[in-house]
Amino acid sequence: MTYVVTDNCIRCKYMDCVEVCPVDCFYEGDNMLVIHPDECIDCGVCEPECPAEAIKPDTEPGLEKWLEVNTEYADKWPNITIKREAPEDAKEFDGKVGKFELYFSPEPGEGD
């Protein structure tokens, strides 16, 4: 088992999760974060820290796509271990449906 970041992170990109991760397995894209599944130790401390509830265990049904997205982009994006402020309009995007198709960016973020 591993944890994955799902579509509600897109355009919200709260970073509360990165500061509690004991193994620094978060990677930053332009408008979302992902978890490297080979680095995640399944401790679960990140899940309750996410204000957008975008982090889920990969054992939940229907998350196969998100395991693939997290795996692919964790290898492409820079590691992030420090919390920065969420985008100013993050609350406007929290809970919107279809965010991957509408807003996902494959571009990397800043990282540390």
Protein backbone atom coordinates (compact mmCIF):
# COMPACT_ATOMS: atom_id res chain seq x y z
CA MET A 1 0.00 0.00 0.00
CA THR A 2 0.98 3.61 -0.58
CA TYR A 3 -0.77 6.93 -0.40
CA VAL A 4 -1.62 8.92 -3.51
CA VAL A 5 -2.51 12.52 -4.17
CA THR A 6 -5.78 12.81 -6.10
CA ASP A 7 -7.46 15.45 -8.26
CA ASN A 8 -8.68 17.72 -5.48
CA CYS A 9 -5.07 18.84 -4.97
CA ILE A 10 -5.06 20.42 -8.44
CA ARG A 11 -5.15 24.23 -8.14
CA CYS A 12 -5.41 23.91 -4.34
CA LYS A 13 -1.87 22.65 -3.69
CA TYR A 14 -1.89 23.00 0.05
CA MET A 15 1.49 21.94 1.39
CA ASP A 16 0.63 20.95 4.96
CA CYS A 17 1.43 17.35 3.98
CA VAL A 18 5.05 17.94 3.00
CA GLU A 19 6.09 19.27 6.38
CA VAL A 20 4.85 16.18 8.25
CA CYS A 21 6.24 13.54 5.85
CA PRO A 22 9.07 11.67 7.59
CA VAL A 23 10.61 10.41 4.33
CA ASP A 24 10.22 13.46 2.04
CA CYS A 25 8.32 11.56 -0.66
CA PHE A 26 6.36 14.54 -2.07
CA TYR A 27 7.11 16.01 -5.47
CA GLU A 28 5.89 19.33 -6.77
CA GLY A 29 4.20 20.06 -10.04
CA ASP A 30 3.08 23.42 -11.33
CA ASN A 31 -0.36 23.14 -9.71
CA MET A 32 -0.40 19.97 -7.58
CA LEU A 33 1.74 17.60 -5.54
CA VAL A 34 2.31 13.86 -5.93
CA ILE A 35 3.69 11.11 -3.70
CA HIS A 36 6.44 8.79 -4.91
CA PRO A 37 4.94 5.34 -4.23
CA ASP A 38 8.34 3.64 -3.90
CA GLU A 39 9.42 6.13 -1.23
CA CYS A 40 6.17 6.32 0.76
CA ILE A 41 6.35 4.20 3.93
CA ASP A 42 2.57 4.11 4.33
CA CYS A 43 2.64 5.86 7.69
CA GLY A 44 -0.47 7.89 6.86
CA VAL A 45 0.50 11.08 8.69
CA CYS A 46 -0.05 13.16 5.55
CA GLU A 47 -3.66 12.14 4.95
CA PRO A 48 -5.30 14.01 7.85
CA GLU A 49 -3.09 17.07 7.25
CA CYS A 50 -4.53 17.78 3.79
CA PRO A 51 -7.20 20.51 4.03
CA ALA A 52 -8.56 19.47 0.62
CA GLU A 53 -8.74 15.77 1.58
CA ALA A 54 -6.84 14.96 -1.60
CA ILE A 55 -4.58 12.27 -0.12
CA LYS A 56 -5.96 8.72 -0.08
CA PRO A 57 -4.60 5.21 0.46
CA ASP A 58 -4.23 3.43 -2.88
CA THR A 59 -6.32 0.58 -1.49
CA GLU A 60 -9.50 2.64 -1.96
CA PRO A 61 -11.43 1.58 -5.07
CA GLY A 62 -11.00 3.63 -8.24
CA LEU A 63 -7.60 5.14 -7.48
CA GLU A 64 -5.59 3.19 -10.08
CA LYS A 65 -5.38 6.28 -12.32
CA TRP A 66 -4.00 8.32 -9.43
CA LEU A 67 -1.37 5.72 -8.61
CA GLU A 68 -0.21 5.99 -12.24
CA VAL A 69 -0.21 9.82 -12.14
CA ASN A 70 1.71 9.89 -8.86
CA THR A 71 4.24 7.32 -10.12
CA GLU A 72 4.83 9.08 -13.44
CA TYR A 73 5.20 12.62 -12.15
CA ALA A 74 7.18 11.79 -9.00
CA ASP A 75 9.95 10.75 -11.40
CA LYS A 76 9.68 14.01 -13.37
CA TRP A 77 9.02 16.72 -10.78
CA PRO A 78 11.36 18.12 -8.09
CA ASN A 79 11.22 16.99 -4.48
CA ILE A 80 9.47 19.31 -2.03
CA THR A 81 10.07 19.19 1.72
CA ILE A 82 9.16 22.71 2.86
CA LYS A 83 5.69 24.14 3.21
CA ARG A 84 4.89 27.20 1.15
CA GLU A 85 1.65 29.14 0.95
CA ALA A 86 -1.20 27.71 -1.12
CA PRO A 87 -2.33 29.66 -4.18
CA GLU A 88 -4.50 32.68 -3.33
CA ASP A 89 -7.48 31.14 -5.14
CA ALA A 90 -7.08 27.65 -3.64
CA LYS A 91 -10.39 27.75 -1.76
CA GLU A 92 -12.25 28.52 -5.00
CA PHE A 93 -11.02 25.25 -6.51
CA ASP A 94 -11.45 23.02 -3.45
CA GLY A 95 -14.12 20.42 -4.27
CA LYS A 96 -14.56 21.24 -7.96
CA VAL A 97 -15.26 18.24 -10.17
CA GLY A 98 -13.23 17.31 -13.27
CA LYS A 99 -10.11 19.21 -12.24
CA PHE A 100 -7.69 16.81 -13.93
CA GLU A 101 -9.25 17.27 -17.36
CA LEU A 102 -9.67 21.03 -16.90
CA TYR A 103 -6.59 22.19 -15.03
CA PHE A 104 -3.84 19.56 -14.67
CA SER A 105 -0.41 20.84 -15.70
CA PRO A 106 2.42 18.39 -16.42
CA GLU A 107 4.95 21.17 -15.81
CA PRO A 108 7.24 20.89 -12.76
CA GLY A 109 6.98 23.14 -9.75
CA GLU A 110 9.81 24.90 -7.90
CA GLY A 111 10.78 22.17 -5.45
CA ASP A 112 13.09 23.03 -2.55
